[in-house]
PDB file of N, CA and C in Angstrom:
ATOM      1  N   MET A   1       9.822 -22.905  11.702  1.00  0.00           N
ATOM      2  CA  MET A   1      11.140 -22.330  11.676  1.00  0.00           C
ATOM      3  C   MET A   1      11.157 -20.919  12.237  1.00  0.00           C
ATOM      4  N   THR A   2      10.051 -20.243  12.175  1.00  0.00           N
ATOM      5  CA  THR A   2      10.051 -18.864  12.632  1.00  0.00           C
ATOM      6  C   THR A   2       9.541 -18.727  14.063  1.00  0.00           C
ATOM      7  N   TYR A   3       9.311 -19.852  14.736  1.00  0.00           N
ATOM      8  CA  TYR A   3       8.897 -19.788  16.125  1.00  0.00           C
ATOM      9  C   TYR A   3      10.003 -19.128  16.944  1.00  0.00           C
ATOM     10  N   ALA A   4       9.652 -18.156  17.745  1.00  0.00           N
ATOM     11  CA  ALA A   4      10.606 -17.412  18.569  1.00  0.00           C
ATOM     12  C   ALA A   4      11.691 -16.773  17.695  1.00  0.00           C
ATOM     13  N   ALA A   5      11.264 -16.169  16.612  1.00  0.00           N
ATOM     14  CA  ALA A   5      12.201 -15.582  15.652  1.00  0.00           C
ATOM     15  C   ALA A   5      13.092 -14.519  16.280  1.00  0.00           C
ATOM     16  N   VAL A   6      12.611 -13.866  17.304  1.00  0.00           N
ATOM     17  CA  VAL A   6      13.418 -12.846  17.972  1.00  0.00           C
ATOM     18  C   VAL A   6      14.665 -13.485  18.577  1.00  0.00           C
ATOM     19  N   ALA A   7      14.516 -14.621  19.196  1.00  0.00           N
ATOM     20  CA  ALA A   7      15.667 -15.307  19.790  1.00  0.00           C
ATOM     21  C   ALA A   7      16.611 -15.841  18.722  1.00  0.00           C
ATOM     22  N   TRP A   8      16.081 -16.231  17.594  1.00  0.00           N
ATOM     23  CA  TRP A   8      16.921 -16.742  16.511  1.00  0.00           C
ATOM     24  C   TRP A   8      17.815 -15.652  15.935  1.00  0.00           C
ATOM     25  N   GLY A   9      17.470 -14.411  16.173  1.00  0.00           N
ATOM     26  CA  GLY A   9      18.278 -13.313  15.676  1.00  0.00           C
ATOM     27  C   GLY A   9      19.676 -13.275  16.257  1.00  0.00           C
ATOM     28  N   TYR A  10      19.892 -13.980  17.353  1.00  0.00           N
ATOM     29  CA  TYR A  10      21.186 -13.965  18.026  1.00  0.00           C
ATOM     30  C   TYR A  10      22.066 -15.165  17.709  1.00  0.00           C
ATOM     31  N   VAL A  11      21.642 -16.009  16.794  1.00  0.00           N
ATOM     32  CA  VAL A  11      22.466 -17.168  16.450  1.00  0.00           C
ATOM     33  C   VAL A  11      23.584 -16.754  15.491  1.00  0.00           C
ATOM     34  N   SER A  12      24.561 -17.624  15.344  1.00  0.00           N
ATOM     35  CA  SER A  12      25.725 -17.333  14.499  1.00  0.00           C
ATOM     36  C   SER A  12      25.341 -17.324  13.019  1.00  0.00           C
ATOM     37  N   LYS A  13      26.230 -16.756  12.208  1.00  0.00           N
ATOM     38  CA  LYS A  13      26.006 -16.736  10.764  1.00  0.00           C
ATOM     39  C   LYS A  13      25.924 -18.151  10.209  1.00  0.00           C
ATOM     40  N   THR A  14      26.720 -19.037  10.770  1.00  0.00           N
ATOM     41  CA  THR A  14      26.715 -20.428  10.324  1.00  0.00           C
ATOM     42  C   THR A  14      25.348 -21.062  10.554  1.00  0.00           C
ATOM     43  N   MET A  15      24.771 -20.811  11.726  1.00  0.00           N
ATOM     44  CA  MET A  15      23.458 -21.385  12.035  1.00  0.00           C
ATOM     45  C   MET A  15      22.377 -20.777  11.139  1.00  0.00           C
ATOM     46  N   LYS A  16      22.491 -19.487  10.842  1.00  0.00           N
ATOM     47  CA  LYS A  16      21.521 -18.855   9.945  1.00  0.00           C
ATOM     48  C   LYS A  16      21.614 -19.472   8.547  1.00  0.00           C
ATOM     49  N   LYS A  17      22.828 -19.752   8.096  1.00  0.00           N
ATOM     50  CA  LYS A  17      23.003 -20.389   6.786  1.00  0.00           C
ATOM     51  C   LYS A  17      22.384 -21.779   6.777  1.00  0.00           C
ATOM     52  N   ARG A  18      22.533 -22.497   7.887  1.00  0.00           N
ATOM     53  CA  ARG A  18      21.944 -23.836   7.977  1.00  0.00           C
ATOM     54  C   ARG A  18      20.423 -23.771   7.941  1.00  0.00           C
ATOM     55  N   LEU A  19      19.856 -22.802   8.670  1.00  0.00           N
ATOM     56  CA  LEU A  19      18.405 -22.640   8.657  1.00  0.00           C
ATOM     57  C   LEU A  19      17.908 -22.298   7.258  1.00  0.00           C
ATOM     58  N   GLN A  20      18.654 -21.415   6.569  1.00  0.00           N
ATOM     59  CA  GLN A  20      18.266 -21.039   5.222  1.00  0.00           C
ATOM     60  C   GLN A  20      18.347 -22.236   4.275  1.00  0.00           C
ATOM     61  N   ALA A  21      19.392 -23.022   4.419  1.00  0.00           N
ATOM     62  CA  ALA A  21      19.532 -24.222   3.587  1.00  0.00           C
ATOM     63  C   ALA A  21      18.385 -25.191   3.846  1.00  0.00           C
ATOM     64  N   GLN A  22      17.975 -25.309   5.096  1.00  0.00           N
ATOM     65  CA  GLN A  22      16.866 -26.191   5.451  1.00  0.00           C
ATOM     66  C   GLN A  22      15.577 -25.727   4.783  1.00  0.00           C
ATOM     67  N   GLN A  23      15.336 -24.420   4.807  1.00  0.00           N
ATOM     68  CA  GLN A  23      14.147 -23.887   4.159  1.00  0.00           C
ATOM     69  C   GLN A  23      14.214 -24.117   2.644  1.00  0.00           C
ATOM     70  N   ASN A  24      15.382 -23.904   2.063  1.00  0.00           N
ATOM     71  CA  ASN A  24      15.539 -24.135   0.626  1.00  0.00           C
ATOM     72  C   ASN A  24      15.203 -25.574   0.266  1.00  0.00           C
ATOM     73  N   MET A  25      15.708 -26.519   1.047  1.00  0.00           N
ATOM     74  CA  MET A  25      15.440 -27.935   0.781  1.00  0.00           C
ATOM     75  C   MET A  25      13.962 -28.263   0.945  1.00  0.00           C
ATOM     76  N   ALA A  26      13.320 -27.677   1.961  1.00  0.00           N
ATOM     77  CA  ALA A  26      11.900 -27.938   2.195  1.00  0.00           C
ATOM     78  C   ALA A  26      11.045 -27.416   1.035  1.00  0.00           C
ATOM     79  N   LEU A  27      11.345 -26.206   0.569  1.00  0.00           N
ATOM     80  CA  LEU A  27      10.593 -25.659  -0.567  1.00  0.00           C
ATOM     81  C   LEU A  27      10.800 -26.499  -1.819  1.00  0.00           C
ATOM     82  N   ARG A  28      12.033 -26.866  -2.057  1.00  0.00           N
ATOM     83  CA  ARG A  28      12.364 -27.662  -3.242  1.00  0.00           C
ATOM     84  C   ARG A  28      11.627 -29.009  -3.192  1.00  0.00           C
ATOM     85  N   GLU A  29      11.598 -29.623  -2.015  1.00  0.00           N
ATOM     86  CA  GLU A  29      10.919 -30.911  -1.842  1.00  0.00           C
ATOM     87  C   GLU A  29       9.403 -30.760  -1.993  1.00  0.00           C
ATOM     88  N   ALA A  30       8.861 -29.662  -1.471  1.00  0.00           N
ATOM     89  CA  ALA A  30       7.411 -29.457  -1.507  1.00  0.00           C
ATOM     90  C   ALA A  30       6.865 -29.366  -2.925  1.00  0.00           C
ATOM     91  N   VAL A  31       7.652 -28.769  -3.819  1.00  0.00           N
ATOM     92  CA  VAL A  31       7.176 -28.602  -5.192  1.00  0.00           C
ATOM     93  C   VAL A  31       7.880 -29.527  -6.175  1.00  0.00           C
ATOM     94  N   ASP A  32       8.711 -30.412  -5.653  1.00  0.00           N
ATOM     95  CA  ASP A  32       9.446 -31.380  -6.465  1.00  0.00           C
ATOM     96  C   ASP A  32      10.264 -30.684  -7.555  1.00  0.00           C
ATOM     97  N   ALA A  33      10.951 -29.614  -7.154  1.00  0.00           N
ATOM     98  CA  ALA A  33      11.769 -28.847  -8.103  1.00  0.00           C
ATOM     99  C   ALA A  33      13.123 -29.520  -8.278  1.00  0.00           C
ATOM    100  N   PRO A  34      13.627 -29.573  -9.491  1.00  0.00           N
ATOM    101  CA  PRO A  34      14.954 -30.156  -9.727  1.00  0.00           C
ATOM    102  C   PRO A  34      16.058 -29.256  -9.168  1.00  0.00           C
ATOM    103  N   TRP A  35      17.248 -29.805  -9.054  1.00  0.00           N
ATOM    104  CA  TRP A  35      18.371 -29.101  -8.432  1.00  0.00           C
ATOM    105  C   TRP A  35      18.793 -27.850  -9.184  1.00  0.00           C
ATOM    106  N   TYR A  36      18.520 -27.780 -10.475  1.00  0.00           N
ATOM    107  CA  TYR A  36      19.008 -26.660 -11.267  1.00  0.00           C
ATOM    108  C   TYR A  36      18.081 -25.436 -11.251  1.00  0.00           C
ATOM    109  N   VAL A  37      16.939 -25.542 -10.596  1.00  0.00           N
ATOM    110  CA  VAL A  37      16.059 -24.381 -10.458  1.00  0.00           C
ATOM    111  C   VAL A  37      16.623 -23.501  -9.344  1.00  0.00           C
ATOM    112  N   PRO A  38      16.921 -22.232  -9.630  1.00  0.00           N
ATOM    113  CA  PRO A  38      17.495 -21.350  -8.612  1.00  0.00           C
ATOM    114  C   PRO A  38      16.528 -21.125  -7.438  1.00  0.00           C
ATOM    115  N   ASN A  39      17.095 -20.969  -6.262  1.00  0.00           N
ATOM    116  CA  ASN A  39      16.279 -20.727  -5.078  1.00  0.00           C
ATOM    117  C   ASN A  39      15.429 -19.471  -5.237  1.00  0.00           C
ATOM    118  N   ARG A  40      15.977 -18.445  -5.849  1.00  0.00           N
ATOM    119  CA  ARG A  40      15.236 -17.186  -6.039  1.00  0.00           C
ATOM    120  C   ARG A  40      13.947 -17.445  -6.812  1.00  0.00           C
ATOM    121  N   VAL A  41      13.987 -18.317  -7.794  1.00  0.00           N
ATOM    122  CA  VAL A  41      12.784 -18.647  -8.571  1.00  0.00           C
ATOM    123  C   VAL A  41      11.762 -19.339  -7.673  1.00  0.00           C
ATOM    124  N   LEU A  42      12.223 -20.248  -6.831  1.00  0.00           N
ATOM    125  CA  LEU A  42      11.313 -20.928  -5.904  1.00  0.00           C
ATOM    126  C   LEU A  42      10.608 -19.923  -4.989  1.00  0.00           C
ATOM    127  N   TYR A  43      11.388 -19.016  -4.414  1.00  0.00           N
ATOM    128  CA  TYR A  43      10.807 -18.030  -3.501  1.00  0.00           C
ATOM    129  C   TYR A  43       9.829 -17.111  -4.222  1.00  0.00           C
ATOM    130  N   ASP A  44      10.181 -16.684  -5.419  1.00  0.00           N
ATOM    131  CA  ASP A  44       9.297 -15.794  -6.177  1.00  0.00           C
ATOM    132  C   ASP A  44       8.003 -16.499  -6.570  1.00  0.00           C
ATOM    133  N   GLU A  45       8.119 -17.704  -7.095  1.00  0.00           N
ATOM    134  CA  GLU A  45       6.943 -18.438  -7.555  1.00  0.00           C
ATOM    135  C   GLU A  45       6.021 -18.838  -6.398  1.00  0.00           C
ATOM    136  N   LEU A  46       6.618 -19.170  -5.261  1.00  0.00           N
ATOM    137  CA  LEU A  46       5.824 -19.605  -4.111  1.00  0.00           C
ATOM    138  C   LEU A  46       5.459 -18.460  -3.171  1.00  0.00           C
ATOM    139  N   ARG A  47       5.922 -17.262  -3.522  1.00  0.00           N
ATOM    140  CA  ARG A  47       5.662 -16.057  -2.725  1.00  0.00           C
ATOM    141  C   ARG A  47       6.103 -16.246  -1.278  1.00  0.00           C
ATOM    142  N   GLN A  48       7.302 -16.760  -1.122  1.00  0.00           N
ATOM    143  CA  GLN A  48       7.887 -16.986   0.197  1.00  0.00           C
ATOM    144  C   GLN A  48       8.997 -15.970   0.458  1.00  0.00           C
ATOM    145  N   VAL A  49       9.269 -15.753   1.733  1.00  0.00           N
ATOM    146  CA  VAL A  49      10.357 -14.873   2.141  1.00  0.00           C
ATOM    147  C   VAL A  49      11.401 -15.754   2.820  1.00  0.00           C
ATOM    148  N   PRO A  50      12.677 -15.573   2.492  1.00  0.00           N
ATOM    149  CA  PRO A  50      13.712 -16.373   3.150  1.00  0.00           C
ATOM    150  C   PRO A  50      13.633 -16.248   4.680  1.00  0.00           C
ATOM    151  N   VAL A  51      13.895 -17.333   5.363  1.00  0.00           N
ATOM    152  CA  VAL A  51      13.742 -17.384   6.813  1.00  0.00           C
ATOM    153  C   VAL A  51      14.642 -16.368   7.524  1.00  0.00           C
ATOM    154  N   VAL A  52      15.815 -16.103   6.977  1.00  0.00           N
ATOM    155  CA  VAL A  52      16.724 -15.136   7.598  1.00  0.00           C
ATOM    156  C   VAL A  52      16.114 -13.735   7.563  1.00  0.00           C
ATOM    157  N   ILE A  53      15.466 -13.400   6.475  1.00  0.00           N
ATOM    158  CA  ILE A  53      14.819 -12.085   6.367  1.00  0.00           C
ATOM    159  C   ILE A  53      13.604 -12.028   7.281  1.00  0.00           C
ATOM    160  N   GLN A  54      12.851 -13.109   7.371  1.00  0.00           N
ATOM    161  CA  GLN A  54      11.704 -13.155   8.277  1.00  0.00           C
ATOM    162  C   GLN A  54      12.145 -12.941   9.722  1.00  0.00           C
ATOM    163  N   MET A  55      13.216 -13.601  10.111  1.00  0.00           N
ATOM    164  CA  MET A  55      13.706 -13.459  11.486  1.00  0.00           C
ATOM    165  C   MET A  55      14.123 -12.020  11.768  1.00  0.00           C
ATOM    166  N   ARG A  56      14.836 -11.417  10.824  1.00  0.00           N
ATOM    167  CA  ARG A  56      15.305 -10.044  11.004  1.00  0.00           C
ATOM    168  C   ARG A  56      14.120  -9.084  11.133  1.00  0.00           C
ATOM    169  N   GLU A  57      13.120  -9.235  10.272  1.00  0.00           N
ATOM    170  CA  GLU A  57      11.960  -8.350  10.296  1.00  0.00           C
ATOM    171  C   GLU A  57      11.143  -8.514  11.575  1.00  0.00           C
ATOM    172  N   ARG A  58      10.946  -9.745  11.996  1.00  0.00           N
ATOM    173  CA  ARG A  58      10.173  -9.980  13.224  1.00  0.00           C
ATOM    174  C   ARG A  58      10.895  -9.434  14.447  1.00  0.00           C
ATOM    175  N   ALA A  59      12.209  -9.580  14.476  1.00  0.00           N
ATOM    176  CA  ALA A  59      12.992  -9.040  15.589  1.00  0.00           C
ATOM    177  C   ALA A  59      12.917  -7.515  15.588  1.00  0.00           C
ATOM    178  N   ARG A  60      13.021  -6.920  14.414  1.00  0.00           N
ATOM    179  CA  ARG A  60      12.951  -5.462  14.306  1.00  0.00           C
ATOM    180  C   ARG A  60      11.601  -4.958  14.799  1.00  0.00           C
ATOM    181  N   LYS A  61      10.508  -5.598  14.362  1.00  0.00           N
ATOM    182  CA  LYS A  61       9.169  -5.195  14.792  1.00  0.00           C
ATOM    183  C   LYS A  61       8.992  -5.379  16.295  1.00  0.00           C
ATOM    184  N   PHE A  62       9.524  -6.460  16.833  1.00  0.00           N
ATOM    185  CA  PHE A  62       9.396  -6.733  18.264  1.00  0.00           C
ATOM    186  C   PHE A  62      10.070  -5.639  19.082  1.00  0.00           C
ATOM    187  N   PHE A  63      11.280  -5.260  18.692  1.00  0.00           N
ATOM    188  CA  PHE A  63      12.018  -4.276  19.463  1.00  0.00           C
ATOM    189  C   PHE A  63      11.547  -2.854  19.217  1.00  0.00           C
ATOM    190  N   GLU A  64      10.871  -2.601  18.112  1.00  0.00           N
ATOM    191  CA  GLU A  64      10.297  -1.274  17.873  1.00  0.00           C
ATOM    192  C   GLU A  64       9.089  -1.028  18.751  1.00  0.00           C
ATOM    193  N   LYS A  65       8.389  -2.076  19.159  1.00  0.00           N
ATOM    194  CA  LYS A  65       7.197  -1.932  19.993  1.00  0.00           C
ATOM    195  C   LYS A  65       7.531  -1.381  21.374  1.00  0.00           C
ATOM    196  N   LYS A  66       8.730  -1.621  21.827  1.00  0.00           N
ATOM    197  CA  LYS A  66       9.083  -1.235  23.200  1.00  0.00           C
ATOM    198  C   LYS A  66       9.625   0.142  23.292  1.00  0.00           C
TER     199      LYS A  66
END
C-alpha cells in the first residue's frame, strides 16, 4: 500500500479514506479481531501507523531531501 507513497499524496480525500479502510480491514482480518474492537486499539497493539500518515510522512521526507 505504501509503494510510491509520494504519488499517493496527490489522491483525493475519498481515495485516502478508501485506502485507510482497506488497511483497517486487512489488520482486522490478520488478527481475527471482532467488529467492535476500535481501529485505534488494533494500530496500538500491532504497532502500526495508519497508511494516510505513512504517505504524508514519506512525501514530506522525499521533498525535504531536495
